Protein backbone atom coordinates (compact mmCIF):
# COMPACT_ATOMS: atom_id res chain seq x y z
CA MET A 1 -61.65 186.31 113.40
CA ALA A 2 -59.63 185.66 116.54
CA VAL A 3 -58.78 182.09 117.73
CA VAL A 4 -59.04 181.42 121.42
CA ASP A 5 -56.70 178.76 122.87
CA LEU A 6 -58.43 176.56 125.37
CA PRO A 7 -56.46 175.53 128.53
CA THR A 8 -54.71 172.18 128.43
CA SER A 9 -55.29 171.42 132.14
CA PRO A 10 -57.12 169.65 133.51
CA GLY A 11 -57.27 167.05 130.83
CA PRO A 12 -60.69 165.78 129.69
CA ALA A 13 -62.69 163.18 131.57
CA ASP A 14 -64.28 162.14 128.23
CA GLU A 15 -63.93 162.92 124.59
CA GLY A 16 -66.31 161.89 121.83
CA TRP A 17 -65.73 162.19 118.06
CA LEU A 18 -68.49 162.64 115.41
CA PRO A 19 -67.69 162.68 111.65
CA ILE A 20 -69.83 165.38 109.95
CA ASN A 21 -70.39 163.74 106.57
CA PHE A 22 -72.11 165.59 103.65
CA GLY A 23 -72.58 162.48 101.40
CA SER A 24 -76.01 161.06 100.88
CA ASN A 25 -77.80 157.94 99.60
CA GLN A 26 -80.02 158.36 96.60
CA GLN A 27 -82.98 156.11 96.35
CA GLY A 28 -83.25 154.13 93.12
CA PRO A 29 -86.43 154.60 91.01
CA LEU A 30 -89.14 152.09 91.52
CA GLY A 31 -87.42 150.22 94.19
CA GLY A 32 -84.03 150.04 92.44
CA ALA A 33 -80.64 149.88 94.19
CA GLU A 34 -79.53 152.96 96.20
CA THR A 35 -76.59 154.94 94.94
CA ARG A 36 -74.08 156.42 97.34
CA ILE A 37 -73.12 160.07 96.51
CA ASN A 38 -69.96 161.24 98.20
CA ARG A 39 -69.37 165.01 98.51
CA LEU A 40 -66.38 166.99 99.59
CA GLY A 41 -66.44 168.92 102.75
CA SER A 42 -66.73 166.31 105.45
CA LYS A 43 -65.11 167.28 108.74
CA TRP A 44 -65.01 166.52 112.46
CA GLN A 45 -66.82 167.45 115.66
CA ILE A 46 -65.53 166.69 119.17
CA SER A 47 -67.53 166.62 122.39
CA VAL A 48 -65.58 167.18 125.53
CA GLN A 49 -66.50 166.55 129.21
CA LEU A 50 -64.17 168.09 131.82
CA PRO A 51 -63.64 166.67 135.34
CA ARG A 52 -64.59 168.49 138.50
CA MET A 53 -62.06 171.24 139.28
CA ASP A 54 -61.13 173.91 141.74
CA PRO A 55 -63.08 177.20 141.43
CA GLU A 56 -59.93 179.09 140.42
CA VAL A 57 -59.23 176.68 137.51
CA ALA A 58 -62.93 176.72 136.63
CA ALA A 59 -62.91 180.53 136.38
CA GLU A 60 -60.16 180.40 133.71
CA TRP A 61 -62.15 177.79 131.69
CA SER A 62 -65.36 179.90 132.00
CA VAL A 63 -63.63 183.01 130.74
CA VAL A 64 -62.03 181.37 127.73
CA LEU A 65 -65.16 179.44 126.85
CA THR A 66 -67.28 182.58 127.01
CA ASP A 67 -64.71 184.40 124.90
CA GLY A 68 -64.86 181.47 122.49
CA LEU A 69 -68.60 181.98 121.87
CA ASP A 70 -67.78 185.06 119.75
CA ASN A 71 -64.58 183.66 118.16
CA LEU A 72 -63.04 180.36 117.00
CA VAL A 73 -61.44 178.08 119.55
CA ARG A 74 -58.39 175.83 119.35
CA TYR A 75 -58.20 172.70 121.52
CA ARG A 76 -55.46 170.24 121.87
CA ILE A 77 -56.99 166.68 121.53
CA ARG A 78 -56.17 163.57 123.55
CA GLN A 79 -55.39 160.35 121.62
CA VAL A 80 -55.28 157.40 123.94
CA GLY A 81 -52.90 154.72 122.62
CA MET A 82 -51.70 156.96 119.83
CA PRO A 83 -48.53 158.68 121.08
CA GLY A 84 -47.11 161.57 119.03
CA GLY A 85 -43.57 160.36 119.40
CA SER A 86 -40.84 162.23 117.50
CA PRO A 87 -42.28 162.86 113.98
CA GLY A 88 -39.62 165.37 112.87
CA SER A 89 -40.85 168.30 110.97
CA PRO A 90 -43.54 166.92 108.60
CA VAL A 91 -44.95 169.08 105.83
CA VAL A 92 -47.15 168.66 102.74
CA ASP A 93 -45.07 167.44 99.75
CA GLY A 94 -46.31 169.13 96.66
CA ASN A 95 -48.99 171.55 95.41
CA GLY A 96 -52.32 170.66 93.86
CA GLN A 97 -53.16 167.61 95.97
CA ALA A 98 -56.73 166.35 96.25
CA GLY A 99 -58.56 163.21 97.27
CA SER A 100 -57.96 160.76 100.10
CA THR A 101 -54.12 160.43 99.99
CA LEU A 102 -51.75 163.04 101.26
CA ALA A 103 -48.13 163.09 100.13
CA CYS A 104 -45.84 164.18 103.03
CA ARG A 105 -42.16 164.79 103.63
CA GLY A 106 -39.98 165.86 106.57
CA PHE A 107 -40.65 162.90 108.93
CA ASN A 108 -37.89 161.27 110.89
CA PRO A 109 -37.02 158.23 108.83
CA GLY A 110 -39.13 155.21 109.97
CA TYR A 111 -41.67 157.17 111.87
CA ALA A 112 -44.76 155.02 112.23
CA ILE A 113 -48.33 156.33 111.90
CA ARG A 114 -51.05 154.16 113.31
CA LYS A 115 -54.36 153.66 111.58
CA GLY A 116 -56.82 156.06 113.33
CA LYS A 117 -54.16 158.59 114.27
CA PHE A 118 -55.48 162.22 114.17
CA PHE A 119 -53.33 164.96 112.84
CA SER A 120 -53.78 168.53 111.85
CA LEU A 121 -52.83 170.42 108.69
CA ILE A 122 -52.38 174.19 108.66
CA SER A 123 -53.02 175.76 105.35
CA GLY A 124 -53.89 179.32 104.31
CA GLY A 125 -54.15 180.27 107.97
CA GLN A 126 -56.71 177.56 108.63
CA ARG A 127 -56.28 174.37 110.64
CA TYR A 128 -57.85 171.21 109.31
CA CYS A 129 -58.15 167.97 111.25
CA TYR A 130 -57.71 164.61 109.51
CA ARG A 131 -57.23 160.99 110.41
CA ALA A 132 -54.95 158.24 109.06
CA ASN A 133 -57.10 155.77 107.24
CA ALA A 134 -54.32 153.10 107.22
CA ALA A 135 -51.05 152.41 109.02
CA ALA A 136 -48.08 154.02 107.28
CA ARG A 137 -44.42 154.47 107.86
CA ALA A 138 -42.04 157.13 106.55
CA ASP A 139 -39.29 155.85 104.29
CA ALA A 140 -35.54 156.48 104.56
CA ASN A 141 -36.07 159.93 103.08
CA GLY A 142 -38.80 160.88 105.54
CA GLU A 143 -41.52 160.64 102.92
CA VAL A 144 -44.89 158.88 103.08
CA ASP A 145 -48.08 158.77 101.06
CA LEU A 146 -50.71 158.78 103.85
CA PRO A 147 -54.28 157.57 103.30
CA ILE A 148 -56.62 159.97 105.18
CA VAL A 149 -60.21 160.46 106.05
CA PRO A 150 -62.08 162.61 105.26
CA ALA A 151 -60.86 163.64 101.79
CA LEU A 152 -58.98 166.85 101.45
CA ARG A 153 -61.33 169.80 101.85
CA ALA A 154 -59.12 172.31 100.13
CA PRO A 155 -55.83 171.85 98.12
CA PRO A 156 -52.90 172.34 100.48
CA SER A 157 -49.77 174.11 99.40
CA ASP A 158 -46.29 172.63 99.28
CA GLY A 159 -44.65 173.01 102.68
CA ASP A 160 -47.85 173.47 104.68
CA VAL A 161 -47.20 172.30 108.33
CA LEU A 162 -48.53 168.98 109.63
CA GLU A 163 -49.05 168.49 113.33
CA PHE A 164 -48.53 164.88 114.64
CA ALA A 165 -47.02 165.36 118.10
CA SER A 166 -49.49 167.85 119.57
CA VAL A 167 -52.65 167.78 117.53
CA TYR A 168 -55.30 170.49 117.59
CA ILE A 169 -58.89 170.87 116.37
CA GLU A 170 -59.97 174.42 115.58
CA GLY A 171 -63.59 175.47 115.05
CA ARG A 172 -66.71 176.97 116.57
CA LEU A 173 -68.22 176.13 119.93
CA GLY A 174 -71.68 174.51 119.83
CA GLY A 175 -73.60 177.16 121.75
CA ALA A 176 -73.98 179.37 124.81
CA GLU A 177 -74.53 176.41 127.14
CA ASP A 178 -70.88 175.34 126.38
CA ALA A 179 -69.67 178.01 128.77
CA GLY A 180 -71.77 177.06 131.73
CA HIS A 181 -70.94 175.21 134.91
CA PHE A 182 -71.99 174.58 138.55
CA THR A 183 -70.19 174.80 141.92
CA ASP A 184 -71.21 171.95 144.25
CA VAL A 185 -71.31 171.77 148.12
CA SER A 186 -67.71 170.59 148.11
CA ARG A 187 -66.70 173.83 146.38
CA LEU A 188 -65.68 171.94 143.21
CA ALA A 189 -66.83 173.20 139.90
CA ARG A 190 -68.52 170.71 137.51
CA GLY A 191 -70.57 170.60 134.40
CA PHE A 192 -68.16 171.93 131.80
CA GLN A 193 -68.95 170.12 128.61
CA PHE A 194 -68.61 171.59 125.15
CA THR A 195 -68.49 170.66 121.49
CA ILE A 196 -66.17 172.03 118.73
CA ARG A 197 -67.15 171.73 115.12
CA GLU A 198 -64.71 172.44 112.35
CA MET A 199 -65.85 175.46 110.32
CA ARG A 200 -64.57 174.14 106.90
C-alpha cells in the first residue's frame, strides 16, 4: 500500500496524542481485587488541527488528505520543548529485542534523550512510533539502553533506523471527514482537522 506524505507547512495549530492501549482490567471473583492484564500491540493516535490558510495551500492539503483516505499517510510530528538536536545516526543494537527497553547505538556521544521524547523506528518497511519512558544519555560509544512506551510491537532487526531529529507517525486517516474544509468570507480556508492511527 502506498504511503502519502502530508505537507509540513503550515505547522499545526494543535496536536493531541492518544495512547491506544489493548490491556484490560479483570474483575476479581466475588468482589476480589482486580488484576491488570497487559497485552502487546499498544500504539499511538494523533489528532491534528491546522490553522487557517490561503486557498492555494488548502488545495494541496485537500488533495493529499483525499489521497490518504485510500492509502497510508506519513506526518512529521511537532514536539514542543523536545528539540531533535544532533543525534548522529542511531540504529537498533541487536536482533531479537522485546519488551520495554530498546538497545541502541550510533548516537553522537553524550546525546541526551528527554523523558517523553517521541521517536520513530523503521523495521521491515513499517514505521513505528515510540516514546522515551525515562531520560537517558548516550555513552562515550554512542550506545544507550532506552526505556520506551509502549512495549515493542514487533522484534526489530539489528541496524534498523531510529528517527530522533525529524520524527514521523505513519498510519491510517480516521475517516472521510478528515479531508474536508471550508472557505470563509475572508477567503481563508479553515476546518482542516484529521487523526492518524498507527496500523500496527
